[in-house]
Amino acid sequence: MARAVILAVAAMLVAMAGSAAGAAERTYYETPYGEVKYKPKRIEFSDLTLTKIRWRHWNGRRSLGRGRARINTCEPSCGEGSIVRGTARLRVFLRHREDGRMVYGCLKGTTRAGGETRRVQWPPGCGS
C-alpha cells in the first residue's frame, strides 16, 4: 500500500515537472525592423526610440514594460522636428508559434513626453 502511494506521488511530481518545463519556454518579440529578441531593452521605430525597457511577466500570455522614450516630433517635418524625451509604458501580447518558437505578435503602449501622451502600436492594426 505504501509503495503504491509513493509511486503515485512520484508520477504526479514527474507530470508536474514536465508541465513546468513547458511553461518556461522562452518567448521572443520581433521588432519593427525584423530583429527577433528575447526581452528587448531597446526598440526603434522611424521617429521613436524606446530604451532601458524593463519587462514584467515575460514568457507569460502578456508582458508589461516600462522604459524611456525619445521622440522626434516631426513638426514641421521630421528633418526639422525637435526631440523630446519622456517615459513609456508597454504591453506585448498575442503569443503564437512561429518558426518553432513562441513570439509575441503585438505591442501597444503609451509615451509621455513634452506634455503630450502618444500611442504606440506595432504592427499597425494589431488586435487588443
N, C-alpha and C. Protein backbone atom coordinates (compact mmCIF):
# COMPACT_ATOMS: atom_id res chain seq x y z
N MET A 1 0.83 -1.19 0.00
CA MET A 1 0.00 0.00 0.00
C MET A 1 0.87 1.26 0.00
N ALA A 2 1.87 1.29 0.89
CA ALA A 2 2.76 2.45 0.96
C ALA A 2 3.54 2.61 -0.35
N ARG A 3 3.93 1.49 -0.95
CA ARG A 3 4.66 1.53 -2.21
C ARG A 3 3.79 2.14 -3.31
N ALA A 4 2.52 1.81 -3.36
CA ALA A 4 1.61 2.35 -4.37
C ALA A 4 1.45 3.86 -4.19
N VAL A 5 1.36 4.32 -2.96
CA VAL A 5 1.22 5.76 -2.69
C VAL A 5 2.49 6.48 -3.12
N ILE A 6 3.65 5.91 -2.83
CA ILE A 6 4.91 6.53 -3.22
C ILE A 6 5.02 6.62 -4.74
N LEU A 7 4.62 5.54 -5.42
CA LEU A 7 4.67 5.56 -6.88
C LEU A 7 3.70 6.58 -7.46
N ALA A 8 2.53 6.72 -6.87
CA ALA A 8 1.55 7.69 -7.35
C ALA A 8 2.07 9.12 -7.16
N VAL A 9 2.67 9.39 -6.01
CA VAL A 9 3.22 10.71 -5.74
C VAL A 9 4.38 11.01 -6.70
N ALA A 10 5.22 10.01 -6.93
CA ALA A 10 6.34 10.18 -7.86
C ALA A 10 5.84 10.48 -9.27
N ALA A 11 4.79 9.78 -9.70
CA ALA A 11 4.23 10.02 -11.03
C ALA A 11 3.66 11.44 -11.14
N MET A 12 3.01 11.92 -10.08
CA MET A 12 2.48 13.28 -10.09
C MET A 12 3.60 14.31 -10.17
N LEU A 13 4.68 14.08 -9.43
CA LEU A 13 5.81 15.01 -9.46
C LEU A 13 6.45 15.06 -10.83
N VAL A 14 6.59 13.91 -11.48
CA VAL A 14 7.16 13.87 -12.83
C VAL A 14 6.25 14.62 -13.80
N ALA A 15 4.94 14.45 -13.69
CA ALA A 15 4.00 15.14 -14.56
C ALA A 15 4.05 16.65 -14.34
N MET A 16 4.15 17.06 -13.09
CA MET A 16 4.23 18.49 -12.78
C MET A 16 5.53 19.08 -13.29
N ALA A 17 6.62 18.37 -13.18
CA ALA A 17 7.90 18.86 -13.67
C ALA A 17 7.87 19.01 -15.18
N GLY A 18 7.22 18.10 -15.86
CA GLY A 18 7.10 18.19 -17.31
C GLY A 18 6.30 19.39 -17.75
N SER A 19 5.20 19.70 -17.07
CA SER A 19 4.39 20.86 -17.44
C SER A 19 5.09 22.14 -17.07
N ALA A 20 5.86 22.16 -15.98
CA ALA A 20 6.60 23.36 -15.61
C ALA A 20 7.69 23.65 -16.62
N ALA A 21 8.32 22.61 -17.16
CA ALA A 21 9.36 22.82 -18.17
C ALA A 21 8.76 23.43 -19.42
N GLY A 22 7.56 23.04 -19.80
CA GLY A 22 6.90 23.61 -20.97
C GLY A 22 6.54 25.07 -20.75
N ALA A 23 6.18 25.45 -19.53
CA ALA A 23 5.81 26.82 -19.23
C ALA A 23 7.02 27.75 -19.26
N ALA A 24 8.22 27.20 -19.09
CA ALA A 24 9.42 28.01 -19.04
C ALA A 24 9.98 28.30 -20.44
N GLU A 25 9.27 27.93 -21.49
CA GLU A 25 9.74 28.17 -22.85
C GLU A 25 9.90 29.66 -23.09
N ARG A 26 10.99 30.03 -23.72
CA ARG A 26 11.27 31.43 -24.00
C ARG A 26 10.31 31.99 -25.04
N THR A 27 9.89 33.23 -24.83
CA THR A 27 9.04 33.93 -25.78
C THR A 27 9.82 35.13 -26.30
N TYR A 28 9.79 35.36 -27.60
CA TYR A 28 10.56 36.41 -28.24
C TYR A 28 9.64 37.51 -28.76
N TYR A 29 10.23 38.60 -29.19
CA TYR A 29 9.49 39.70 -29.79
C TYR A 29 10.22 40.13 -31.06
N GLU A 30 9.49 40.31 -32.16
CA GLU A 30 10.09 40.78 -33.40
C GLU A 30 9.91 42.28 -33.50
N THR A 31 11.02 43.01 -33.55
CA THR A 31 10.99 44.47 -33.60
C THR A 31 10.52 44.95 -34.97
N PRO A 32 10.17 46.24 -35.10
CA PRO A 32 9.70 46.75 -36.39
C PRO A 32 10.68 46.57 -37.55
N TYR A 33 11.96 46.45 -37.27
CA TYR A 33 12.94 46.27 -38.35
C TYR A 33 13.37 44.82 -38.49
N GLY A 34 12.59 43.89 -37.94
CA GLY A 34 12.79 42.48 -38.19
C GLY A 34 13.73 41.73 -37.26
N GLU A 35 14.29 42.38 -36.26
CA GLU A 35 15.14 41.67 -35.30
C GLU A 35 14.25 40.89 -34.33
N VAL A 36 14.60 39.65 -34.07
CA VAL A 36 13.87 38.84 -33.11
C VAL A 36 14.70 38.80 -31.83
N LYS A 37 14.13 39.34 -30.74
CA LYS A 37 14.88 39.47 -29.49
C LYS A 37 14.11 38.88 -28.32
N TYR A 38 14.87 38.42 -27.35
CA TYR A 38 14.30 37.97 -26.08
C TYR A 38 14.41 39.13 -25.11
N LYS A 39 13.31 39.56 -24.55
CA LYS A 39 13.24 40.70 -23.62
C LYS A 39 14.02 41.90 -24.15
N PRO A 40 13.58 42.51 -25.23
CA PRO A 40 14.35 43.62 -25.80
C PRO A 40 14.46 44.80 -24.84
N LYS A 41 15.64 45.33 -24.73
CA LYS A 41 15.88 46.52 -23.89
C LYS A 41 15.73 47.79 -24.71
N ARG A 42 15.75 47.64 -26.04
CA ARG A 42 15.67 48.79 -26.95
C ARG A 42 14.81 48.39 -28.15
N ILE A 43 13.85 49.25 -28.50
CA ILE A 43 13.01 49.04 -29.68
C ILE A 43 13.00 50.36 -30.45
N GLU A 44 13.34 50.30 -31.74
CA GLU A 44 13.41 51.51 -32.56
C GLU A 44 12.32 51.52 -33.63
N PHE A 45 11.67 52.66 -33.76
CA PHE A 45 10.73 52.95 -34.83
C PHE A 45 11.36 54.07 -35.66
N SER A 46 10.69 54.57 -36.68
CA SER A 46 11.29 55.62 -37.50
C SER A 46 11.45 56.94 -36.74
N ASP A 47 10.46 57.30 -35.92
CA ASP A 47 10.53 58.57 -35.20
C ASP A 47 10.48 58.40 -33.68
N LEU A 48 10.62 57.18 -33.21
CA LEU A 48 10.54 56.88 -31.78
C LEU A 48 11.56 55.80 -31.43
N THR A 49 12.27 56.03 -30.32
CA THR A 49 13.19 55.02 -29.81
C THR A 49 12.83 54.78 -28.34
N LEU A 50 12.58 53.51 -28.02
CA LEU A 50 12.28 53.11 -26.65
C LEU A 50 13.53 52.44 -26.09
N THR A 51 14.01 52.91 -24.94
CA THR A 51 15.23 52.36 -24.36
C THR A 51 15.03 52.04 -22.89
N LYS A 52 16.01 51.34 -22.34
CA LYS A 52 16.03 50.98 -20.91
C LYS A 52 14.72 50.31 -20.50
N ILE A 53 14.20 49.44 -21.37
CA ILE A 53 12.92 48.79 -21.11
C ILE A 53 13.13 47.67 -20.10
N ARG A 54 12.29 47.66 -19.08
CA ARG A 54 12.30 46.60 -18.07
C ARG A 54 10.95 45.91 -18.15
N TRP A 55 10.98 44.59 -18.29
CA TRP A 55 9.77 43.81 -18.50
C TRP A 55 9.35 43.06 -17.25
N ARG A 56 8.04 42.90 -17.09
CA ARG A 56 7.46 42.06 -16.03
C ARG A 56 6.59 41.01 -16.70
N HIS A 57 6.59 39.83 -16.14
CA HIS A 57 5.76 38.71 -16.61
C HIS A 57 6.16 38.22 -18.00
N TRP A 58 7.43 38.40 -18.38
CA TRP A 58 7.88 37.93 -19.70
C TRP A 58 7.71 36.41 -19.76
N ASN A 59 7.41 35.88 -20.88
CA ASN A 59 7.10 34.46 -21.16
C ASN A 59 5.67 34.10 -20.82
N GLY A 60 4.91 35.01 -20.24
CA GLY A 60 3.51 34.75 -19.94
C GLY A 60 2.63 35.10 -21.13
N ARG A 61 1.31 35.06 -20.94
CA ARG A 61 0.38 35.41 -22.02
C ARG A 61 0.60 36.84 -22.49
N ARG A 62 0.98 37.71 -21.59
CA ARG A 62 1.29 39.09 -21.92
C ARG A 62 2.41 39.55 -21.01
N SER A 63 3.09 40.60 -21.40
CA SER A 63 4.16 41.16 -20.59
C SER A 63 4.01 42.67 -20.56
N LEU A 64 4.36 43.27 -19.44
CA LEU A 64 4.28 44.71 -19.27
C LEU A 64 5.69 45.28 -19.17
N GLY A 65 5.91 46.40 -19.84
CA GLY A 65 7.23 47.01 -19.82
C GLY A 65 7.17 48.49 -19.53
N ARG A 66 8.25 48.99 -18.96
CA ARG A 66 8.41 50.42 -18.72
C ARG A 66 9.80 50.81 -19.17
N GLY A 67 9.89 52.01 -19.74
CA GLY A 67 11.20 52.45 -20.20
C GLY A 67 11.20 53.93 -20.53
N ARG A 68 12.23 54.33 -21.25
CA ARG A 68 12.41 55.72 -21.65
C ARG A 68 12.00 55.87 -23.12
N ALA A 69 11.52 57.05 -23.48
CA ALA A 69 11.11 57.32 -24.86
C ALA A 69 11.86 58.54 -25.39
N ARG A 70 12.34 58.42 -26.62
CA ARG A 70 12.97 59.54 -27.34
C ARG A 70 12.15 59.72 -28.60
N ILE A 71 11.47 60.86 -28.72
CA ILE A 71 10.50 61.07 -29.79
C ILE A 71 10.92 62.26 -30.66
N ASN A 72 10.92 62.05 -31.97
CA ASN A 72 11.08 63.13 -32.93
C ASN A 72 9.66 63.63 -33.25
N THR A 73 9.37 64.87 -32.93
CA THR A 73 8.02 65.39 -33.11
C THR A 73 7.63 65.54 -34.59
N CYS A 74 8.60 65.58 -35.49
CA CYS A 74 8.35 65.69 -36.93
C CYS A 74 7.51 66.92 -37.28
N GLU A 75 7.68 68.00 -36.53
CA GLU A 75 6.95 69.24 -36.81
C GLU A 75 7.94 70.34 -37.13
N PRO A 76 7.95 70.97 -38.21
CA PRO A 76 7.03 70.85 -39.34
C PRO A 76 7.35 69.66 -40.24
N SER A 77 8.57 69.14 -40.16
CA SER A 77 8.92 67.92 -40.90
C SER A 77 9.85 67.11 -39.99
N CYS A 78 10.05 65.86 -40.34
CA CYS A 78 10.89 65.02 -39.48
C CYS A 78 12.34 65.50 -39.48
N GLY A 79 12.79 66.09 -40.58
CA GLY A 79 14.16 66.62 -40.63
C GLY A 79 14.34 67.83 -39.75
N GLU A 80 13.28 68.59 -39.53
CA GLU A 80 13.35 69.81 -38.73
C GLU A 80 12.68 69.65 -37.37
N GLY A 81 12.17 68.48 -37.07
CA GLY A 81 11.45 68.26 -35.81
C GLY A 81 12.36 68.31 -34.60
N SER A 82 11.77 68.62 -33.47
CA SER A 82 12.55 68.64 -32.23
C SER A 82 12.46 67.26 -31.56
N ILE A 83 13.42 67.00 -30.71
CA ILE A 83 13.48 65.74 -29.97
C ILE A 83 12.98 66.00 -28.56
N VAL A 84 12.00 65.21 -28.13
CA VAL A 84 11.51 65.29 -26.75
C VAL A 84 11.74 63.93 -26.10
N ARG A 85 11.97 63.96 -24.81
CA ARG A 85 12.23 62.72 -24.07
C ARG A 85 11.21 62.56 -22.96
N GLY A 86 10.89 61.31 -22.66
CA GLY A 86 9.91 61.05 -21.62
C GLY A 86 9.90 59.58 -21.24
N THR A 87 8.72 59.10 -20.84
CA THR A 87 8.59 57.73 -20.36
C THR A 87 7.69 56.93 -21.29
N ALA A 88 7.78 55.61 -21.17
CA ALA A 88 6.96 54.72 -21.98
C ALA A 88 6.41 53.61 -21.11
N ARG A 89 5.16 53.22 -21.38
CA ARG A 89 4.52 52.06 -20.75
C ARG A 89 4.05 51.17 -21.89
N LEU A 90 4.46 49.90 -21.85
CA LEU A 90 4.22 49.00 -22.97
C LEU A 90 3.54 47.72 -22.53
N ARG A 91 2.92 47.07 -23.50
CA ARG A 91 2.31 45.76 -23.28
C ARG A 91 2.51 44.96 -24.55
N VAL A 92 3.09 43.75 -24.43
CA VAL A 92 3.20 42.84 -25.56
C VAL A 92 2.29 41.66 -25.28
N PHE A 93 1.66 41.14 -26.34
CA PHE A 93 0.67 40.08 -26.15
C PHE A 93 0.47 39.36 -27.47
N LEU A 94 -0.53 38.49 -27.54
CA LEU A 94 -0.88 37.69 -28.71
C LEU A 94 0.26 36.75 -29.10
N ARG A 95 0.63 35.90 -28.12
CA ARG A 95 1.70 34.92 -28.37
C ARG A 95 1.25 33.89 -29.38
N HIS A 96 2.17 33.49 -30.22
CA HIS A 96 1.91 32.44 -31.19
C HIS A 96 3.23 31.76 -31.53
N ARG A 97 3.13 30.60 -32.13
CA ARG A 97 4.31 29.84 -32.52
C ARG A 97 4.70 30.23 -33.93
N GLU A 98 5.98 30.57 -34.10
CA GLU A 98 6.49 30.98 -35.40
C GLU A 98 7.91 30.42 -35.56
N ASP A 99 8.14 29.65 -36.59
CA ASP A 99 9.44 29.03 -36.83
C ASP A 99 9.93 28.23 -35.63
N GLY A 100 9.02 27.54 -34.95
CA GLY A 100 9.39 26.66 -33.85
C GLY A 100 9.60 27.35 -32.51
N ARG A 101 9.31 28.63 -32.41
CA ARG A 101 9.45 29.31 -31.12
C ARG A 101 8.26 30.22 -30.86
N MET A 102 8.05 30.53 -29.60
CA MET A 102 6.95 31.42 -29.22
C MET A 102 7.37 32.87 -29.45
N VAL A 103 6.44 33.66 -30.02
CA VAL A 103 6.71 35.06 -30.34
C VAL A 103 5.50 35.89 -29.96
N TYR A 104 5.74 37.04 -29.31
CA TYR A 104 4.66 37.98 -29.07
C TYR A 104 4.34 38.66 -30.39
N GLY A 105 3.06 38.75 -30.74
CA GLY A 105 2.67 39.29 -32.03
C GLY A 105 2.30 40.77 -32.01
N CYS A 106 1.99 41.32 -30.85
CA CYS A 106 1.53 42.71 -30.78
C CYS A 106 2.22 43.49 -29.67
N LEU A 107 2.44 44.77 -29.93
CA LEU A 107 2.94 45.70 -28.92
C LEU A 107 2.01 46.91 -28.93
N LYS A 108 1.53 47.29 -27.77
CA LYS A 108 0.74 48.51 -27.62
C LYS A 108 1.25 49.23 -26.38
N GLY A 109 1.12 50.56 -26.39
CA GLY A 109 1.54 51.30 -25.22
C GLY A 109 1.33 52.79 -25.41
N THR A 110 1.87 53.54 -24.45
CA THR A 110 1.80 54.99 -24.49
C THR A 110 3.15 55.56 -24.10
N THR A 111 3.42 56.76 -24.66
CA THR A 111 4.60 57.52 -24.25
C THR A 111 4.11 58.86 -23.73
N ARG A 112 4.82 59.37 -22.75
CA ARG A 112 4.52 60.70 -22.21
C ARG A 112 5.79 61.51 -22.30
N ALA A 113 5.72 62.57 -23.11
CA ALA A 113 6.89 63.44 -23.28
C ALA A 113 6.42 64.80 -23.77
N GLY A 114 7.10 65.83 -23.31
CA GLY A 114 6.77 67.18 -23.77
C GLY A 114 5.34 67.58 -23.47
N GLY A 115 4.75 67.05 -22.39
CA GLY A 115 3.39 67.38 -22.03
C GLY A 115 2.32 66.67 -22.85
N GLU A 116 2.71 65.76 -23.71
CA GLU A 116 1.76 65.03 -24.55
C GLU A 116 1.84 63.54 -24.29
N THR A 117 0.70 62.88 -24.45
CA THR A 117 0.65 61.42 -24.39
C THR A 117 0.40 60.93 -25.81
N ARG A 118 1.26 60.02 -26.26
CA ARG A 118 1.14 59.47 -27.62
C ARG A 118 0.98 57.96 -27.52
N ARG A 119 0.25 57.39 -28.47
CA ARG A 119 0.07 55.94 -28.50
C ARG A 119 1.14 55.28 -29.36
N VAL A 120 1.51 54.07 -28.95
CA VAL A 120 2.46 53.26 -29.70
C VAL A 120 1.75 51.95 -30.02
N GLN A 121 1.90 51.48 -31.25
CA GLN A 121 1.28 50.20 -31.64
C GLN A 121 2.10 49.59 -32.75
N TRP A 122 2.44 48.31 -32.60
CA TRP A 122 3.15 47.60 -33.65
C TRP A 122 2.73 46.15 -33.65
N PRO A 123 2.37 45.58 -34.77
CA PRO A 123 2.20 46.22 -36.07
C PRO A 123 0.93 47.04 -36.11
N PRO A 124 0.81 47.92 -37.10
CA PRO A 124 -0.42 48.72 -37.21
C PRO A 124 -1.65 47.81 -37.32
N GLY A 125 -2.71 48.17 -36.64
CA GLY A 125 -3.93 47.37 -36.68
C GLY A 125 -3.89 46.14 -35.80
N CYS A 126 -2.95 46.09 -34.89
CA CYS A 126 -2.80 44.93 -34.01
C CYS A 126 -4.04 44.77 -33.12
N GLY A 127 -4.45 43.54 -32.86
CA GLY A 127 -5.63 43.27 -32.03
C GLY A 127 -5.46 43.71 -30.59
N SER A 128 -6.54 43.65 -29.83
CA SER A 128 -6.47 44.11 -28.43
C SER A 128 -6.24 43.03 -27.46
